[in-house]
Amino acid sequence: MTEPGHSILSADDAPAALGQPGSSAGRGDDRRDTRPLGAGTGLGLGIGVLWLSLVVLLPLAAIVVASTDDGWSGFYDTVTGDAVAAALKLSIGMSLFVAFVNAIMGTLVAWVLVRDPFPGRRVLEVIIDVPFALPTIVAGLVLITLYGPMTPIGLELVGTRKAIFVALLFVTLPFVVRTVQPVLMELDREVEEAAASLGASRFTIFRRIVLPNLAPAIASGAGLCFARAVGEYGSVVLIAGNIPFQTEIASVRILTQIENDQTAAAAATATVLLAVGLLVIIALDLGRRLVGRRG
């Protein structure tokens, strides 16, 4: 029997009672700062917007305009053509698959680095960042040396879709790890320990305390993986074989169009990749806003 005014918490309710994201406890003030910009801030903002326009917005706008040089009918005919459609489908589909795999494995690697100290952890930290440091064409050379006709491990992947998958995994490895790791380091372990003391299982603690906090970082890392993979060229071009309708990715198709003096067609193909990337960015932003409102 319980005393009046007291209740018993179940193991599943423990995380919510301890202030996990989604409960009303511990919510910060969400009011925005509406103070007017100072002179220095306004100048900095103007310089930032100008720089962003020169480096990013104007080139992107130029690509979109160039994509319609042959008219909208030419744009449509290009992106729905068999070769371009096959290359776009392969690039987007493979990038989604790679982002999904990295979301799982990158989170696992980040968890091991933060929660399970072991000898050689600093060496592993350096190895994870190697794909960032290598030029992509060097990464392609490394992969073709390992998985090419002279493979030392007896696994030849050249000219297959598996080769594309492996190459994209290689160049996108660090993204999820490096977005999830700092969030995991900042999590309050005392909340997890308190939930465990109330009888919550490890799976319940992960599902109701850890995962909701990591979800935005995992989504951001996966989005970066997708954005990097969908436009990748250097690491794939040597090992994929670039066979039309089989292993030709969109970036290789764009290069082929440029070499054949089909500038408008190349711009149209690039515009589709740009549109897909923007949709991913918008979806991630909406997801973060939704999580923020719930949290």
C-alpha atoms as a PDB file:
ATOM      1  CA  MET A   1       0.000   0.000   0.000  1.00  0.00           C
ATOM      2  CA  THR A   2       1.256   3.456  -0.838  1.00  0.00           C
ATOM      3  CA  GLU A   3       0.880   6.583   1.237  1.00  0.00           C
ATOM      4  CA  PRO A   4      -1.563   9.281   0.076  1.00  0.00           C
ATOM      5  CA  GLY A   5       0.031  11.653  -2.445  1.00  0.00           C
ATOM      6  CA  HIS A   6       2.623   9.124  -3.610  1.00  0.00           C
ATOM      7  CA  SER A   7       2.708   6.947  -6.719  1.00  0.00           C
ATOM      8  CA  ILE A   8       4.765   4.047  -7.953  1.00  0.00           C
ATOM      9  CA  LEU A   9       6.819   4.519 -11.148  1.00  0.00           C
ATOM     10  CA  SER A  10       7.181   1.603 -13.495  1.00  0.00           C
ATOM     11  CA  ALA A  11      10.508   0.900 -15.191  1.00  0.00           C
ATOM     12  CA  ASP A  12       9.167   2.220 -18.481  1.00  0.00           C
ATOM     13  CA  ASP A  13       7.988   5.442 -16.838  1.00  0.00           C
ATOM     14  CA  ALA A  14      11.303   6.059 -15.114  1.00  0.00           C
ATOM     15  CA  PRO A  15      13.029   7.826 -18.031  1.00  0.00           C
ATOM     16  CA  ALA A  16      10.120  10.229 -18.514  1.00  0.00           C
ATOM     17  CA  ALA A  17      10.122  11.101 -14.829  1.00  0.00           C
ATOM     18  CA  LEU A  18      13.818  11.900 -15.030  1.00  0.00           C
ATOM     19  CA  GLY A  19      13.427  14.695 -17.551  1.00  0.00           C
ATOM     20  CA  GLN A  20      14.057  12.985 -20.896  1.00  0.00           C
ATOM     21  CA  PRO A  21      13.423  15.042 -24.030  1.00  0.00           C
ATOM     22  CA  GLY A  22       9.719  15.109 -24.639  1.00  0.00           C
ATOM     23  CA  SER A  23       8.712  15.597 -20.994  1.00  0.00           C
ATOM     24  CA  SER A  24       7.810  18.989 -19.616  1.00  0.00           C
ATOM     25  CA  ALA A  25      10.567  18.902 -17.039  1.00  0.00           C
ATOM     26  CA  GLY A  26      13.686  20.850 -17.801  1.00  0.00           C
ATOM     27  CA  ARG A  27      12.474  22.691 -20.885  1.00  0.00           C
ATOM     28  CA  GLY A  28      14.421  25.820 -21.570  1.00  0.00           C
ATOM     29  CA  ASP A  29      13.086  29.224 -22.513  1.00  0.00           C
ATOM     30  CA  ASP A  30      12.345  29.063 -26.252  1.00  0.00           C
ATOM     31  CA  ARG A  31      11.877  32.804 -26.700  1.00  0.00           C
ATOM     32  CA  ARG A  32      13.917  34.318 -29.513  1.00  0.00           C
ATOM     33  CA  ASP A  33      16.189  37.307 -29.142  1.00  0.00           C
ATOM     34  CA  THR A  34      14.487  40.127 -31.065  1.00  0.00           C
ATOM     35  CA  ARG A  35      16.890  42.935 -30.218  1.00  0.00           C
ATOM     36  CA  PRO A  36      17.883  45.156 -33.178  1.00  0.00           C
ATOM     37  CA  LEU A  37      21.230  44.475 -34.839  1.00  0.00           C
ATOM     38  CA  GLY A  38      24.163  46.642 -33.832  1.00  0.00           C
ATOM     39  CA  ALA A  39      26.403  48.340 -36.389  1.00  0.00           C
ATOM     40  CA  GLY A  40      29.120  45.707 -36.102  1.00  0.00           C
ATOM     41  CA  THR A  41      26.656  42.824 -36.291  1.00  0.00           C
ATOM     42  CA  GLY A  42      24.920  44.346 -39.302  1.00  0.00           C
ATOM     43  CA  LEU A  43      28.237  44.804 -41.114  1.00  0.00           C
ATOM     44  CA  GLY A  44      29.252  41.227 -40.340  1.00  0.00           C
ATOM     45  CA  LEU A  45      25.891  39.942 -41.531  1.00  0.00           C
ATOM     46  CA  GLY A  46      26.189  41.896 -44.778  1.00  0.00           C
ATOM     47  CA  ILE A  47      29.687  40.573 -45.462  1.00  0.00           C
ATOM     48  CA  GLY A  48      28.557  37.034 -44.659  1.00  0.00           C
ATOM     49  CA  VAL A  49      25.558  37.213 -46.979  1.00  0.00           C
ATOM     50  CA  LEU A  50      27.692  38.736 -49.771  1.00  0.00           C
ATOM     51  CA  TRP A  51      30.314  36.022 -49.413  1.00  0.00           C
ATOM     52  CA  LEU A  52      27.653  33.308 -49.362  1.00  0.00           C
ATOM     53  CA  SER A  53      26.071  34.775 -52.473  1.00  0.00           C
ATOM     54  CA  LEU A  54      29.352  34.935 -54.402  1.00  0.00           C
ATOM     55  CA  VAL A  55      30.591  31.488 -53.403  1.00  0.00           C
ATOM     56  CA  VAL A  56      27.353  29.462 -53.236  1.00  0.00           C
ATOM     57  CA  LEU A  57      24.158  31.153 -54.402  1.00  0.00           C
ATOM     58  CA  LEU A  58      25.326  32.669 -57.700  1.00  0.00           C
ATOM     59  CA  PRO A  59      27.034  29.478 -58.972  1.00  0.00           C
ATOM     60  CA  LEU A  60      23.970  27.431 -58.055  1.00  0.00           C
ATOM     61  CA  ALA A  61      21.695  29.925 -59.780  1.00  0.00           C
ATOM     62  CA  ALA A  62      23.928  29.800 -62.870  1.00  0.00           C
ATOM     63  CA  ILE A  63      23.607  26.008 -63.021  1.00  0.00           C
ATOM     64  CA  VAL A  64      19.822  26.184 -62.775  1.00  0.00           C
ATOM     65  CA  VAL A  65      19.640  28.829 -65.522  1.00  0.00           C
ATOM     66  CA  ALA A  66      22.017  26.864 -67.772  1.00  0.00           C
ATOM     67  CA  SER A  67      19.877  23.749 -67.360  1.00  0.00           C
ATOM     68  CA  THR A  68      17.067  25.416 -69.325  1.00  0.00           C
ATOM     69  CA  ASP A  69      19.182  26.563 -72.293  1.00  0.00           C
ATOM     70  CA  ASP A  70      17.376  24.006 -74.444  1.00  0.00           C
ATOM     71  CA  GLY A  71      14.014  24.928 -72.952  1.00  0.00           C
ATOM     72  CA  TRP A  72      11.956  23.071 -70.367  1.00  0.00           C
ATOM     73  CA  SER A  73      11.185  20.358 -72.887  1.00  0.00           C
ATOM     74  CA  GLY A  74      14.923  19.828 -73.349  1.00  0.00           C
ATOM     75  CA  PHE A  75      15.378  19.708 -69.574  1.00  0.00           C
ATOM     76  CA  TYR A  76      12.625  17.098 -69.230  1.00  0.00           C
ATOM     77  CA  ASP A  77      13.930  15.011 -72.113  1.00  0.00           C
ATOM     78  CA  THR A  78      17.407  15.020 -70.589  1.00  0.00           C
ATOM     79  CA  VAL A  79      16.496  13.954 -67.055  1.00  0.00           C
ATOM     80  CA  THR A  80      14.013  11.326 -68.251  1.00  0.00           C
ATOM     81  CA  GLY A  81      16.375   9.857 -70.841  1.00  0.00           C
ATOM     82  CA  ASP A  82      17.283   6.246 -70.193  1.00  0.00           C
ATOM     83  CA  ALA A  83      20.983   6.767 -69.450  1.00  0.00           C
ATOM     84  CA  VAL A  84      20.522   9.834 -67.229  1.00  0.00           C
ATOM     85  CA  ALA A  85      17.547   8.343 -65.391  1.00  0.00           C
ATOM     86  CA  ALA A  86      19.499   5.144 -64.703  1.00  0.00           C
ATOM     87  CA  ALA A  87      22.517   7.109 -63.428  1.00  0.00           C
ATOM     88  CA  LEU A  88      20.344   9.298 -61.180  1.00  0.00           C
ATOM     89  CA  LYS A  89      18.483   6.300 -59.823  1.00  0.00           C
ATOM     90  CA  LEU A  90      21.736   4.501 -59.039  1.00  0.00           C
ATOM     91  CA  SER A  91      23.341   7.532 -57.366  1.00  0.00           C
ATOM     92  CA  ILE A  92      20.317   8.461 -55.254  1.00  0.00           C
ATOM     93  CA  GLY A  93      19.425   4.891 -54.312  1.00  0.00           C
ATOM     94  CA  MET A  94      22.975   3.957 -53.391  1.00  0.00           C
ATOM     95  CA  SER A  95      23.420   7.185 -51.414  1.00  0.00           C
ATOM     96  CA  LEU A  96      20.267   6.497 -49.398  1.00  0.00           C
ATOM     97  CA  PHE A  97      21.481   2.982 -48.636  1.00  0.00           C
ATOM     98  CA  VAL A  98      24.912   4.240 -47.603  1.00  0.00           C
ATOM     99  CA  ALA A  99      23.360   6.914 -45.357  1.00  0.00           C
ATOM    100  CA  PHE A 100      21.182   4.273 -43.683  1.00  0.00           C
ATOM    101  CA  VAL A 101      24.114   1.941 -43.034  1.00  0.00           C
ATOM    102  CA  ASN A 102      26.255   4.792 -41.729  1.00  0.00           C
ATOM    103  CA  ALA A 103      23.479   5.955 -39.409  1.00  0.00           C
ATOM    104  CA  ILE A 104      23.637   2.573 -37.674  1.00  0.00           C
ATOM    105  CA  MET A 105      27.338   1.781 -37.836  1.00  0.00           C
ATOM    106  CA  GLY A 106      28.461   5.369 -37.232  1.00  0.00           C
ATOM    107  CA  THR A 107      26.352   5.547 -34.078  1.00  0.00           C
ATOM    108  CA  LEU A 108      27.808   2.229 -32.932  1.00  0.00           C
ATOM    109  CA  VAL A 109      31.380   3.426 -33.528  1.00  0.00           C
ATOM    110  CA  ALA A 110      30.680   6.709 -31.704  1.00  0.00           C
ATOM    111  CA  TRP A 111      29.203   4.763 -28.780  1.00  0.00           C
ATOM    112  CA  VAL A 112      32.288   2.555 -28.520  1.00  0.00           C
ATOM    113  CA  LEU A 113      34.635   5.547 -28.652  1.00  0.00           C
ATOM    114  CA  VAL A 114      32.756   7.421 -25.914  1.00  0.00           C
ATOM    115  CA  ARG A 115      31.401   4.714 -23.623  1.00  0.00           C
ATOM    116  CA  ASP A 116      33.946   1.879 -23.905  1.00  0.00           C
ATOM    117  CA  PRO A 117      37.539   3.042 -23.257  1.00  0.00           C
ATOM    118  CA  PHE A 118      40.092   0.614 -24.706  1.00  0.00           C
ATOM    119  CA  PRO A 119      43.787   0.590 -25.648  1.00  0.00           C
ATOM    120  CA  GLY A 120      44.412   2.218 -29.014  1.00  0.00           C
ATOM    121  CA  ARG A 121      41.337   4.427 -28.943  1.00  0.00           C
ATOM    122  CA  ARG A 122      43.329   7.514 -29.979  1.00  0.00           C
ATOM    123  CA  VAL A 123      44.709   5.635 -32.981  1.00  0.00           C
ATOM    124  CA  LEU A 124      41.161   4.708 -34.012  1.00  0.00           C
ATOM    125  CA  GLU A 125      40.109   8.346 -33.632  1.00  0.00           C
ATOM    126  CA  VAL A 126      42.785   9.320 -36.162  1.00  0.00           C
ATOM    127  CA  ILE A 127      41.886   6.513 -38.575  1.00  0.00           C
ATOM    128  CA  ILE A 128      38.232   7.610 -38.644  1.00  0.00           C
ATOM    129  CA  ASP A 129      39.263  11.019 -39.996  1.00  0.00           C
ATOM    130  CA  VAL A 130      41.479   9.621 -42.770  1.00  0.00           C
ATOM    131  CA  PRO A 131      38.706   9.824 -45.433  1.00  0.00           C
ATOM    132  CA  PHE A 132      38.456  13.556 -44.657  1.00  0.00           C
ATOM    133  CA  ALA A 133      42.170  14.046 -45.353  1.00  0.00           C
ATOM    134  CA  LEU A 134      42.527  11.931 -48.487  1.00  0.00           C
ATOM    135  CA  PRO A 135      41.760  13.441 -51.900  1.00  0.00           C
ATOM    136  CA  THR A 136      38.908  11.410 -53.333  1.00  0.00           C
ATOM    137  CA  ILE A 137      40.917  10.235 -56.329  1.00  0.00           C
ATOM    138  CA  VAL A 138      43.533   8.882 -53.904  1.00  0.00           C
ATOM    139  CA  ALA A 139      40.745   7.074 -52.070  1.00  0.00           C
ATOM    140  CA  GLY A 140      39.716   5.556 -55.391  1.00  0.00           C
ATOM    141  CA  LEU A 141      43.288   4.427 -56.023  1.00  0.00           C
ATOM    142  CA  VAL A 142      43.453   2.860 -52.554  1.00  0.00           C
ATOM    143  CA  LEU A 143      40.203   0.990 -53.170  1.00  0.00           C
ATOM    144  CA  ILE A 144      41.173  -0.286 -56.623  1.00  0.00           C
ATOM    145  CA  THR A 145      44.487  -1.495 -55.188  1.00  0.00           C
ATOM    146  CA  LEU A 146      42.621  -3.472 -52.551  1.00  0.00           C
ATOM    147  CA  TYR A 147      39.633  -4.644 -54.590  1.00  0.00           C
ATOM    148  CA  GLY A 148      41.001  -4.517 -58.144  1.00  0.00           C
ATOM    149  CA  PRO A 149      42.343  -7.287 -60.420  1.00  0.00           C
ATOM    150  CA  MET A 150      45.534  -7.557 -58.319  1.00  0.00           C
ATOM    151  CA  THR A 151      43.629  -7.694 -55.026  1.00  0.00           C
ATOM    152  CA  PRO A 152      45.757  -9.047 -52.173  1.00  0.00           C
ATOM    153  CA  ILE A 153      42.685 -10.331 -50.305  1.00  0.00           C
ATOM    154  CA  GLY A 154      41.059 -12.263 -53.129  1.00  0.00           C
ATOM    155  CA  LEU A 155      38.029  -9.992 -53.369  1.00  0.00           C
ATOM    156  CA  GLU A 156      37.635  -8.309 -56.765  1.00  0.00           C
ATOM    157  CA  LEU A 157      34.801  -5.768 -56.961  1.00  0.00           C
ATOM    158  CA  VAL A 158      35.787  -3.607 -59.943  1.00  0.00           C
ATOM    159  CA  GLY A 159      32.890  -2.891 -62.273  1.00  0.00           C
ATOM    160  CA  THR A 160      30.166  -3.891 -59.793  1.00  0.00           C
ATOM    161  CA  ARG A 161      27.634  -1.980 -57.722  1.00  0.00           C
ATOM    162  CA  LYS A 162      29.241  -3.445 -54.618  1.00  0.00           C
ATOM    163  CA  ALA A 163      32.339  -1.438 -55.526  1.00  0.00           C
ATOM    164  CA  ILE A 164      30.287   1.766 -55.577  1.00  0.00           C
ATOM    165  CA  PHE A 165      28.781   0.897 -52.208  1.00  0.00           C
ATOM    166  CA  VAL A 166      32.191   0.250 -50.640  1.00  0.00           C
ATOM    167  CA  ALA A 167      33.664   3.449 -52.099  1.00  0.00           C
ATOM    168  CA  LEU A 168      30.800   5.585 -50.798  1.00  0.00           C
ATOM    169  CA  LEU A 169      31.017   3.953 -47.376  1.00  0.00           C
ATOM    170  CA  PHE A 170      34.725   4.793 -47.272  1.00  0.00           C
ATOM    171  CA  VAL A 171      34.375   8.504 -48.039  1.00  0.00           C
ATOM    172  CA  THR A 172      31.317   9.039 -45.788  1.00  0.00           C
ATOM    173  CA  LEU A 173      32.494   7.079 -42.744  1.00  0.00           C
ATOM    174  CA  PRO A 174      33.357  10.040 -40.474  1.00  0.00           C
ATOM    175  CA  PHE A 175      30.134  12.056 -40.811  1.00  0.00           C
ATOM    176  CA  VAL A 176      27.786  10.225 -38.439  1.00  0.00           C
ATOM    177  CA  VAL A 177      30.592   9.410 -36.015  1.00  0.00           C
ATOM    178  CA  ARG A 178      31.649  13.046 -35.716  1.00  0.00           C
ATOM    179  CA  THR A 179      28.103  14.394 -35.355  1.00  0.00           C
ATOM    180  CA  VAL A 180      26.966  11.816 -32.783  1.00  0.00           C
ATOM    181  CA  GLN A 181      30.146  11.659 -30.704  1.00  0.00           C
ATOM    182  CA  PRO A 182      30.004  15.155 -29.107  1.00  0.00           C
ATOM    183  CA  VAL A 183      26.299  14.776 -28.297  1.00  0.00           C
ATOM    184  CA  LEU A 184      26.960  11.427 -26.667  1.00  0.00           C
ATOM    185  CA  MET A 185      29.791  12.941 -24.629  1.00  0.00           C
ATOM    186  CA  GLU A 186      27.454  15.649 -23.296  1.00  0.00           C
ATOM    187  CA  LEU A 187      24.704  13.289 -22.156  1.00  0.00           C
ATOM    188  CA  ASP A 188      24.138  13.211 -18.405  1.00  0.00           C
ATOM    189  CA  ARG A 189      25.055   9.702 -17.247  1.00  0.00           C
ATOM    190  CA  GLU A 190      23.348  10.294 -13.907  1.00  0.00           C
ATOM    191  CA  VAL A 191      19.942  10.245 -15.607  1.00  0.00           C
ATOM    192  CA  GLU A 192      20.687   6.836 -17.086  1.00  0.00           C
ATOM    193  CA  GLU A 193      21.952   5.552 -13.727  1.00  0.00           C
ATOM    194  CA  ALA A 194      18.851   6.842 -11.964  1.00  0.00           C
ATOM    195  CA  ALA A 195      16.611   5.127 -14.520  1.00  0.00           C
ATOM    196  CA  ALA A 196      18.533   1.880 -14.011  1.00  0.00           C
ATOM    197  CA  SER A 197      18.112   2.180 -10.231  1.00  0.00           C
ATOM    198  CA  LEU A 198      14.351   2.445 -10.777  1.00  0.00           C
ATOM    199  CA  GLY A 199      14.369  -0.836 -12.675  1.00  0.00           C
ATOM    200  CA  ALA A 200      14.580   0.282 -16.293  1.00  0.00           C
ATOM    201  CA  SER A 201      16.333  -2.185 -18.585  1.00  0.00           C
ATOM    202  CA  ARG A 202      19.304  -1.177 -20.725  1.00  0.00           C
ATOM    203  CA  PHE A 203      17.150  -1.310 -23.834  1.00  0.00           C
ATOM    204  CA  THR A 204      14.502   0.914 -22.216  1.00  0.00           C
ATOM    205  CA  ILE A 205      17.155   3.414 -21.107  1.00  0.00           C
ATOM    206  CA  PHE A 206      18.614   3.539 -24.611  1.00  0.00           C
ATOM    207  CA  ARG A 207      15.202   3.796 -26.286  1.00  0.00           C
ATOM    208  CA  ARG A 208      13.689   6.433 -23.998  1.00  0.00           C
ATOM    209  CA  ILE A 209      16.690   8.473 -22.822  1.00  0.00           C
ATOM    210  CA  VAL A 210      19.713   8.053 -25.098  1.00  0.00           C
ATOM    211  CA  LEU A 211      18.156   7.640 -28.539  1.00  0.00           C
ATOM    212  CA  PRO A 212      15.840  10.713 -28.383  1.00  0.00           C
ATOM    213  CA  ASN A 213      18.876  12.862 -27.595  1.00  0.00           C
ATOM    214  CA  LEU A 214      20.971  11.305 -30.346  1.00  0.00           C
ATOM    215  CA  ALA A 215      18.281  11.263 -33.036  1.00  0.00           C
ATOM    216  CA  PRO A 216      18.877  14.824 -34.362  1.00  0.00           C
ATOM    217  CA  ALA A 217      22.643  14.233 -34.540  1.00  0.00           C
ATOM    218  CA  ILE A 218      22.163  10.869 -36.266  1.00  0.00           C
ATOM    219  CA  ALA A 219      19.805  12.466 -38.786  1.00  0.00           C
ATOM    220  CA  SER A 220      22.254  15.316 -39.444  1.00  0.00           C
ATOM    221  CA  GLY A 221      25.148  12.912 -39.931  1.00  0.00           C
ATOM    222  CA  ALA A 222      23.099  10.711 -42.248  1.00  0.00           C
ATOM    223  CA  GLY A 223      22.084  13.771 -44.239  1.00  0.00           C
ATOM    224  CA  LEU A 224      25.719  14.781 -44.640  1.00  0.00           C
ATOM    225  CA  CYS A 225      26.534  11.229 -45.747  1.00  0.00           C
ATOM    226  CA  PHE A 226      23.805  11.363 -48.375  1.00  0.00           C
ATOM    227  CA  ALA A 227      24.869  14.800 -49.630  1.00  0.00           C
ATOM    228  CA  ARG A 228      28.494  13.687 -49.944  1.00  0.00           C
ATOM    229  CA  ALA A 229      27.645  10.350 -51.570  1.00  0.00           C
ATOM    230  CA  VAL A 230      25.137  11.610 -54.131  1.00  0.00           C
ATOM    231  CA  GLY A 231      27.708  13.868 -55.782  1.00  0.00           C
ATOM    232  CA  GLU A 232      30.797  11.712 -55.243  1.00  0.00           C
ATOM    233  CA  TYR A 233      33.136  11.218 -58.204  1.00  0.00           C
ATOM    234  CA  GLY A 234      36.804  10.657 -57.429  1.00  0.00           C
ATOM    235  CA  SER A 235      36.547   7.603 -55.193  1.00  0.00           C
ATOM    236  CA  VAL A 236      34.037   5.888 -57.503  1.00  0.00           C
ATOM    237  CA  VAL A 237      35.256   6.618 -61.029  1.00  0.00           C
ATOM    238  CA  LEU A 238      38.239   4.244 -60.896  1.00  0.00           C
ATOM    239  CA  ILE A 239      36.546   1.254 -59.323  1.00  0.00           C
ATOM    240  CA  ALA A 240      32.977   1.392 -60.657  1.00  0.00           C
ATOM    241  CA  GLY A 241      33.781   0.581 -64.277  1.00  0.00           C
ATOM    242  CA  ASN A 242      31.317   3.307 -65.393  1.00  0.00           C
ATOM    243  CA  ILE A 243      29.150   0.950 -67.424  1.00  0.00           C
ATOM    244  CA  PRO A 244      25.999   2.752 -68.658  1.00  0.00           C
ATOM    245  CA  PHE A 245      22.782   1.430 -67.097  1.00  0.00           C
ATOM    246  CA  GLN A 246      24.792  -0.691 -64.659  1.00  0.00           C
ATOM    247  CA  THR A 247      27.539   1.118 -62.736  1.00  0.00           C
ATOM    248  CA  GLU A 248      27.508   4.647 -64.166  1.00  0.00           C
ATOM    249  CA  ILE A 249      26.721   7.193 -61.460  1.00  0.00           C
ATOM    250  CA  ALA A 250      25.271  10.653 -62.067  1.00  0.00           C
ATOM    251  CA  SER A 251      28.553  12.556 -61.654  1.00  0.00           C
ATOM    252  CA  VAL A 252      30.222  10.387 -64.320  1.00  0.00           C
ATOM    253  CA  ARG A 253      27.242  10.919 -66.623  1.00  0.00           C
ATOM    254  CA  ILE A 254      27.619  14.691 -66.127  1.00  0.00           C
ATOM    255  CA  LEU A 255      31.297  14.499 -67.112  1.00  0.00           C
ATOM    256  CA  THR A 256      30.385  12.490 -70.207  1.00  0.00           C
ATOM    257  CA  GLN A 257      27.825  15.110 -71.207  1.00  0.00           C
ATOM    258  CA  ILE A 258      30.372  17.896 -70.779  1.00  0.00           C
ATOM    259  CA  GLU A 259      32.945  16.017 -72.867  1.00  0.00           C
ATOM    260  CA  ASN A 260      30.316  15.647 -75.596  1.00  0.00           C
ATOM    261  CA  ASP A 261      29.627  19.409 -75.477  1.00  0.00           C
ATOM    262  CA  GLN A 262      26.161  18.866 -73.970  1.00  0.00           C
ATOM    263  CA  THR A 263      26.436  21.674 -71.439  1.00  0.00           C
ATOM    264  CA  ALA A 264      22.696  22.193 -70.975  1.00  0.00           C
ATOM    265  CA  ALA A 265      22.157  18.464 -70.456  1.00  0.00           C
ATOM    266  CA  ALA A 266      24.966  18.346 -67.877  1.00  0.00           C
ATOM    267  CA  ALA A 267      23.467  21.337 -66.065  1.00  0.00           C
ATOM    268  CA  ALA A 268      20.037  19.674 -66.102  1.00  0.00           C
ATOM    269  CA  THR A 269      21.425  16.493 -64.538  1.00  0.00           C
ATOM    270  CA  ALA A 270      23.295  18.555 -61.947  1.00  0.00           C
ATOM    271  CA  THR A 271      20.131  20.523 -61.167  1.00  0.00           C
ATOM    272  CA  VAL A 272      18.294  17.309 -60.321  1.00  0.00           C
ATOM    273  CA  LEU A 273      21.063  16.364 -57.887  1.00  0.00           C
ATOM    274  CA  LEU A 274      20.897  19.882 -56.431  1.00  0.00           C
ATOM    275  CA  ALA A 275      17.123  19.623 -55.975  1.00  0.00           C
ATOM    276  CA  VAL A 276      17.446  16.259 -54.243  1.00  0.00           C
ATOM    277  CA  GLY A 277      20.109  17.659 -51.912  1.00  0.00           C
ATOM    278  CA  LEU A 278      17.929  20.658 -51.041  1.00  0.00           C
ATOM    279  CA  LEU A 279      14.986  18.387 -50.280  1.00  0.00           C
ATOM    280  CA  VAL A 280      17.161  16.385 -47.881  1.00  0.00           C
ATOM    281  CA  ILE A 281      18.372  19.557 -46.145  1.00  0.00           C
ATOM    282  CA  ILE A 282      14.799  20.872 -45.797  1.00  0.00           C
ATOM    283  CA  ALA A 283      13.591  17.523 -44.453  1.00  0.00           C
ATOM    284  CA  LEU A 284      16.384  17.491 -41.856  1.00  0.00           C
ATOM    285  CA  ASP A 285      15.599  21.056 -40.801  1.00  0.00           C
ATOM    286  CA  LEU A 286      11.902  20.255 -40.414  1.00  0.00           C
ATOM    287  CA  GLY A 287      12.788  17.158 -38.415  1.00  0.00           C
ATOM    288  CA  ARG A 288      15.030  19.150 -36.060  1.00  0.00           C
ATOM    289  CA  ARG A 289      12.301  21.749 -35.567  1.00  0.00           C
ATOM    290  CA  LEU A 290       9.778  19.011 -34.777  1.00  0.00           C
ATOM    291  CA  VAL A 291      12.109  17.405 -32.260  1.00  0.00           C
ATOM    292  CA  GLY A 292      12.819  20.830 -30.732  1.00  0.00           C
ATOM    293  CA  ARG A 293       9.111  21.530 -30.240  1.00  0.00           C
ATOM    294  CA  ARG A 294       8.549  18.177 -28.629  1.00  0.00           C
ATOM    295  CA  GLY A 295      11.641  18.602 -26.484  1.00  0.00           C
END
